[in-house]
Amino acid sequence: MQLSQFSDAQLAQAFSAGQERALEVLINRHKDKIYTSVYMLVKDKYLAEDIFQDTFLKIIKTIKSGRYDEQGKFLPWAIRVAHNLCMDHFRRSRQQIPVTLPDGQDISVLFGAGDMASDGIEKRQVHDSVRKLVERLPEEQREVIVLRIYADQSFKQISELTGVSINTALGRMRYALLNLRKMISDNHMVLR
């Protein structure tokens, strides 16, 4: 059987046993989702690359030391490691977390602004406005939006990553959307 056909658990075990190529397969399998989730939180390509590398260094150390407990959940665990490293960075720097898609588009396209029947300048202005509104959300609400929409995490995974109950994660998403709608209304924005 080729390494590419191994499960995540088998790859981690093979890497732990000395098969370096197993780690490469594991990284290639999940790098896009992990990197995207980091980038969506830090919104800086170079910082995201640094944190992504730190994430895999931590993963390597954990697997090599025998402390990795595979339960069929490598990706959620790896994203949690990355998320924790991002939060450590923000605790140190206390900077805002702008939210954009990997292709540079603002989160506003996910809230309907991308379908506006207006010219490109108006669209960009609306995108900028919605991005600024998302940036004004409390950190916990902004974090849930990023993890749910960009990292494609379930609310169960979000609750595990953030250390809160599923109901709290759902509540934060609900309040984030309510707050965005209120800010959009207060700013007399029209999104279609």
Protein backbone atom coordinates (compact mmCIF):
# COMPACT_ATOMS: atom_id res chain seq x y z
CA MET A 1 0.00 0.00 0.00
CA GLN A 2 1.31 3.47 -0.91
CA LEU A 3 1.66 6.17 1.76
CA SER A 4 -0.94 8.30 -0.03
CA GLN A 5 -3.51 5.60 0.75
CA PHE A 6 -2.70 5.59 4.48
CA SER A 7 -5.12 7.18 6.94
CA ASP A 8 -3.94 10.16 8.96
CA ALA A 9 -3.44 7.86 11.94
CA GLN A 10 -1.30 5.46 9.89
CA LEU A 11 0.77 8.34 8.51
CA ALA A 12 1.39 9.75 12.01
CA GLN A 13 2.36 6.30 13.22
CA ALA A 14 4.67 5.75 10.22
CA PHE A 15 6.31 9.13 10.79
CA SER A 16 6.75 8.35 14.48
CA ALA A 17 8.44 5.09 13.44
CA GLY A 18 10.93 6.98 11.27
CA GLN A 19 9.30 7.20 7.82
CA GLU A 20 9.96 10.87 7.05
CA ARG A 21 7.98 10.71 3.80
CA ALA A 22 4.82 9.99 5.82
CA LEU A 23 4.98 13.50 7.28
CA GLU A 24 5.25 15.00 3.79
CA VAL A 25 2.08 13.13 2.73
CA LEU A 26 0.28 14.27 5.89
CA ILE A 27 1.30 17.90 5.36
CA ASN A 28 0.33 17.88 1.69
CA ARG A 29 -3.03 16.35 2.55
CA HIS A 30 -4.03 19.12 4.96
CA LYS A 31 -1.83 22.14 4.24
CA ASP A 32 -4.45 24.15 2.36
CA LYS A 33 -7.09 24.06 5.11
CA ILE A 34 -4.56 24.67 7.88
CA TYR A 35 -2.82 27.52 6.05
CA THR A 36 -6.15 29.11 5.07
CA SER A 37 -7.43 29.01 8.64
CA VAL A 38 -4.21 30.67 9.83
CA TYR A 39 -4.26 33.26 7.06
CA MET A 40 -7.89 34.12 7.74
CA LEU A 41 -7.02 34.88 11.35
CA VAL A 42 -3.81 36.86 10.81
CA LYS A 43 -4.39 38.30 7.29
CA ASP A 44 -0.70 38.60 6.62
CA LYS A 45 0.90 36.22 4.14
CA TYR A 46 4.33 36.19 5.77
CA LEU A 47 3.01 35.89 9.31
CA ALA A 48 0.63 33.12 8.17
CA GLU A 49 3.57 31.25 6.63
CA ASP A 50 5.55 31.61 9.86
CA ILE A 51 2.68 30.37 12.00
CA PHE A 52 1.97 27.57 9.52
CA GLN A 53 5.61 26.44 9.82
CA ASP A 54 5.49 26.75 13.62
CA THR A 55 2.32 24.66 13.57
CA PHE A 56 4.04 21.82 11.76
CA LEU A 57 7.14 22.09 13.94
CA LYS A 58 4.89 21.66 16.96
CA ILE A 59 3.07 18.77 15.27
CA ILE A 60 6.40 17.10 14.46
CA LYS A 61 7.63 17.46 18.05
CA THR A 62 4.37 16.13 19.45
CA ILE A 63 4.32 13.09 17.15
CA LYS A 64 8.05 12.36 17.59
CA SER A 65 7.74 12.57 21.39
CA GLY A 66 4.90 10.04 21.36
CA ARG A 67 2.40 12.53 22.85
CA TYR A 68 0.10 12.54 19.83
CA ASP A 69 -3.06 10.58 20.56
CA GLU A 70 -4.70 9.79 17.23
CA GLN A 71 -8.44 9.44 17.45
CA GLY A 72 -9.22 9.93 13.77
CA LYS A 73 -9.08 13.69 14.26
CA PHE A 74 -5.74 14.86 12.86
CA LEU A 75 -7.11 17.87 10.96
CA PRO A 76 -9.15 19.33 13.84
CA TRP A 77 -6.17 18.79 16.14
CA ALA A 78 -3.76 20.44 13.67
CA ILE A 79 -6.12 23.40 13.21
CA ARG A 80 -6.40 23.71 17.00
CA VAL A 81 -2.57 23.83 17.23
CA ALA A 82 -2.52 26.53 14.52
CA HIS A 83 -5.38 28.43 16.15
CA ASN A 84 -3.59 28.42 19.52
CA LEU A 85 -0.41 29.75 17.90
CA CYS A 86 -2.45 32.54 16.25
CA MET A 87 -4.07 33.43 19.56
CA ASP A 88 -0.63 33.49 21.21
CA HIS A 89 0.50 35.91 18.52
CA PHE A 90 -2.51 38.18 19.08
CA ARG A 91 -2.08 38.13 22.82
CA ARG A 92 1.47 39.35 22.27
CA SER A 93 0.68 41.96 19.64
CA ARG A 94 -2.96 42.88 20.35
CA GLN A 95 -3.57 43.69 16.70
CA GLN A 96 -6.86 43.62 14.83
CA ILE A 97 -7.81 40.63 12.70
CA PRO A 98 -9.00 41.73 9.26
CA VAL A 99 -11.02 39.09 7.46
CA THR A 100 -10.55 38.40 3.76
CA LEU A 101 -10.73 35.37 1.51
CA PRO A 102 -7.51 33.76 0.22
CA ASP A 103 -8.04 35.40 -3.17
CA GLY A 104 -8.17 38.84 -1.53
CA GLN A 105 -11.94 39.29 -1.59
CA ASP A 106 -13.61 40.51 1.56
CA ILE A 107 -15.84 38.40 3.77
CA SER A 108 -18.70 40.55 2.51
CA VAL A 109 -19.09 38.28 -0.53
CA LEU A 110 -20.29 35.60 1.88
CA PHE A 111 -22.98 37.92 3.22
CA GLY A 112 -24.44 38.74 -0.16
CA ALA A 113 -22.50 41.84 -1.15
CA GLY A 114 -20.80 39.99 -3.99
CA ASP A 115 -24.05 39.78 -5.95
CA MET A 116 -24.78 43.50 -6.06
CA ALA A 117 -25.85 44.77 -9.43
CA SER A 118 -23.59 47.82 -9.30
CA ASP A 119 -20.31 48.79 -10.83
CA GLY A 120 -16.94 47.58 -9.52
CA ILE A 121 -16.17 50.75 -7.56
CA GLU A 122 -19.39 50.54 -5.57
CA LYS A 123 -18.79 46.84 -4.97
CA ARG A 124 -15.31 47.51 -3.61
CA GLN A 125 -16.66 50.26 -1.37
CA VAL A 126 -19.31 47.93 0.03
CA HIS A 127 -16.72 45.16 0.50
CA ASP A 128 -14.45 47.57 2.37
CA SER A 129 -17.35 48.72 4.52
CA VAL A 130 -18.46 45.20 5.42
CA ARG A 131 -14.86 44.16 6.16
CA LYS A 132 -14.55 47.10 8.53
CA LEU A 133 -17.80 46.05 10.20
CA VAL A 134 -16.51 42.49 10.65
CA GLU A 135 -13.31 43.90 12.15
CA ARG A 136 -15.44 45.75 14.71
CA LEU A 137 -17.04 42.54 15.97
CA PRO A 138 -15.87 41.31 19.35
CA GLU A 139 -12.91 38.95 19.00
CA GLU A 140 -14.91 35.86 20.01
CA GLN A 141 -17.56 36.53 17.35
CA ARG A 142 -15.02 37.32 14.63
CA GLU A 143 -13.12 34.15 15.56
CA VAL A 144 -16.21 31.94 15.15
CA ILE A 145 -16.99 33.47 11.74
CA VAL A 146 -13.43 32.79 10.54
CA LEU A 147 -13.35 29.23 11.86
CA ARG A 148 -16.80 28.36 10.50
CA ILE A 149 -16.60 30.00 7.08
CA TYR A 150 -12.91 29.77 6.19
CA ALA A 151 -11.59 26.80 8.12
CA ASP A 152 -14.81 24.88 7.39
CA GLN A 153 -15.01 23.76 11.01
CA SER A 154 -18.16 22.32 12.54
CA PHE A 155 -19.55 24.01 15.63
CA LYS A 156 -18.36 21.00 17.62
CA GLN A 157 -14.82 21.55 16.32
CA ILE A 158 -15.09 25.30 16.97
CA SER A 159 -16.18 24.60 20.53
CA GLU A 160 -13.16 22.34 21.04
CA LEU A 161 -10.77 24.86 19.44
CA THR A 162 -12.01 27.79 21.48
CA GLY A 163 -12.65 25.88 24.71
CA VAL A 164 -16.35 26.70 24.94
CA SER A 165 -19.54 24.67 24.68
CA ILE A 166 -21.22 24.07 21.32
CA ASN A 167 -24.11 26.28 22.46
CA THR A 168 -21.67 29.10 23.24
CA ALA A 169 -20.05 28.73 19.78
CA LEU A 170 -23.51 28.77 18.15
CA GLY A 171 -24.47 31.77 20.24
CA ARG A 172 -21.34 33.66 19.22
CA MET A 173 -22.12 33.02 15.55
CA ARG A 174 -25.70 34.12 16.03
CA TYR A 175 -24.64 37.31 17.81
CA ALA A 176 -21.98 37.98 15.17
CA LEU A 177 -24.58 37.80 12.41
CA LEU A 178 -27.06 39.90 14.42
CA ASN A 179 -24.36 42.48 15.12
CA LEU A 180 -23.38 42.59 11.45
CA ARG A 181 -27.01 43.05 10.39
CA LYS A 182 -27.46 45.83 12.96
CA MET A 183 -24.26 47.60 11.88
CA ILE A 184 -25.30 47.27 8.22
CA SER A 185 -28.71 48.74 9.07
CA ASP A 186 -27.21 51.51 11.24
CA ASN A 187 -24.84 52.43 8.42
CA HIS A 188 -27.68 52.35 5.87
CA MET A 189 -25.88 49.82 3.71
CA VAL A 190 -27.83 47.96 1.05
CA LEU A 191 -26.57 44.48 0.30
CA ARG A 192 -28.15 42.26 -2.35
